[in-house]
N, C-alpha and C. Protein backbone atom coordinates (compact mmCIF):
# COMPACT_ATOMS: atom_id res chain seq x y z
N MET A 1 7.21 -43.32 86.25
CA MET A 1 6.81 -43.38 84.29
C MET A 1 5.96 -43.17 83.17
N GLU A 2 5.67 -44.38 83.69
CA GLU A 2 4.26 -44.71 82.72
C GLU A 2 3.60 -43.82 82.16
N THR A 3 3.33 -43.50 83.41
CA THR A 3 1.98 -42.49 84.18
C THR A 3 2.37 -41.41 83.12
N PHE A 4 3.53 -40.78 83.70
CA PHE A 4 3.73 -39.92 82.78
C PHE A 4 3.49 -39.47 81.23
N TRP A 5 4.38 -40.49 81.00
CA TRP A 5 4.28 -40.79 79.64
C TRP A 5 2.87 -41.05 78.93
N SER A 6 2.13 -41.77 79.43
CA SER A 6 1.20 -41.53 78.98
C SER A 6 0.11 -40.61 79.33
N GLY A 7 0.48 -39.30 80.35
CA GLY A 7 -0.49 -38.16 80.05
C GLY A 7 0.27 -37.47 79.51
N VAL A 8 1.19 -38.10 78.51
CA VAL A 8 1.89 -36.98 77.97
C VAL A 8 1.28 -37.62 76.17
N ARG A 9 1.28 -38.78 76.24
CA ARG A 9 0.83 -39.00 74.53
C ARG A 9 0.07 -38.48 74.37
N LEU A 10 -1.12 -38.77 75.12
CA LEU A 10 -3.14 -39.02 75.20
C LEU A 10 -2.89 -37.59 74.50
N PRO A 11 -2.13 -36.39 75.16
CA PRO A 11 -3.07 -34.86 74.64
C PRO A 11 -2.44 -34.82 73.44
N THR A 12 -1.05 -35.51 73.45
CA THR A 12 -0.32 -35.21 71.71
C THR A 12 -1.00 -35.84 70.87
N ILE A 13 -1.71 -37.26 71.23
CA ILE A 13 -2.50 -37.75 69.92
C ILE A 13 -3.75 -37.20 70.08
N THR A 14 -4.25 -36.87 71.13
CA THR A 14 -5.27 -35.80 70.43
C THR A 14 -5.48 -34.48 69.92
N VAL A 15 -4.46 -33.88 69.86
CA VAL A 15 -4.30 -32.70 69.38
C VAL A 15 -3.83 -32.92 68.29
N THR A 16 -2.87 -34.15 67.89
CA THR A 16 -2.47 -34.00 66.51
C THR A 16 -3.41 -34.21 65.75
N ARG A 17 -4.87 -35.62 66.08
CA ARG A 17 -6.26 -35.54 65.17
C ARG A 17 -6.54 -34.13 65.38
N GLY A 18 -6.64 -33.64 66.09
CA GLY A 18 -7.68 -32.31 65.84
C GLY A 18 -6.89 -31.29 65.25
N ASN A 19 -6.07 -31.45 64.72
CA ASN A 19 -5.27 -30.53 63.37
C ASN A 19 -5.70 -31.08 62.52
N ALA A 20 -5.55 -32.54 62.00
CA ALA A 20 -5.79 -33.38 61.41
C ALA A 20 -7.67 -32.92 60.70
N ILE A 21 -8.27 -33.05 61.53
CA ILE A 21 -9.56 -32.72 61.63
C ILE A 21 -10.01 -31.22 60.63
N GLY A 22 -9.44 -30.45 61.63
CA GLY A 22 -9.75 -29.16 61.49
C GLY A 22 -9.36 -28.68 60.37
N SER A 23 -7.58 -28.88 59.64
CA SER A 23 -7.42 -28.97 58.45
C SER A 23 -8.43 -29.32 57.16
N THR A 24 -8.89 -31.05 57.40
CA THR A 24 -9.82 -31.35 56.67
C THR A 24 -11.30 -30.33 56.20
N ASN A 25 -11.80 -30.90 57.97
CA ASN A 25 -12.88 -29.76 57.64
C ASN A 25 -12.87 -27.96 58.34
N PRO A 26 -11.79 -27.22 57.31
CA PRO A 26 -11.69 -25.49 58.15
C PRO A 26 -13.35 -25.15 57.95
């Protein structure tokens, strides 16, 4: 389960950061 959640959390964090960067630098 730890591997599963790690695989889910990492992409989520990446997407969140990507959205933040995209919003800051359109």
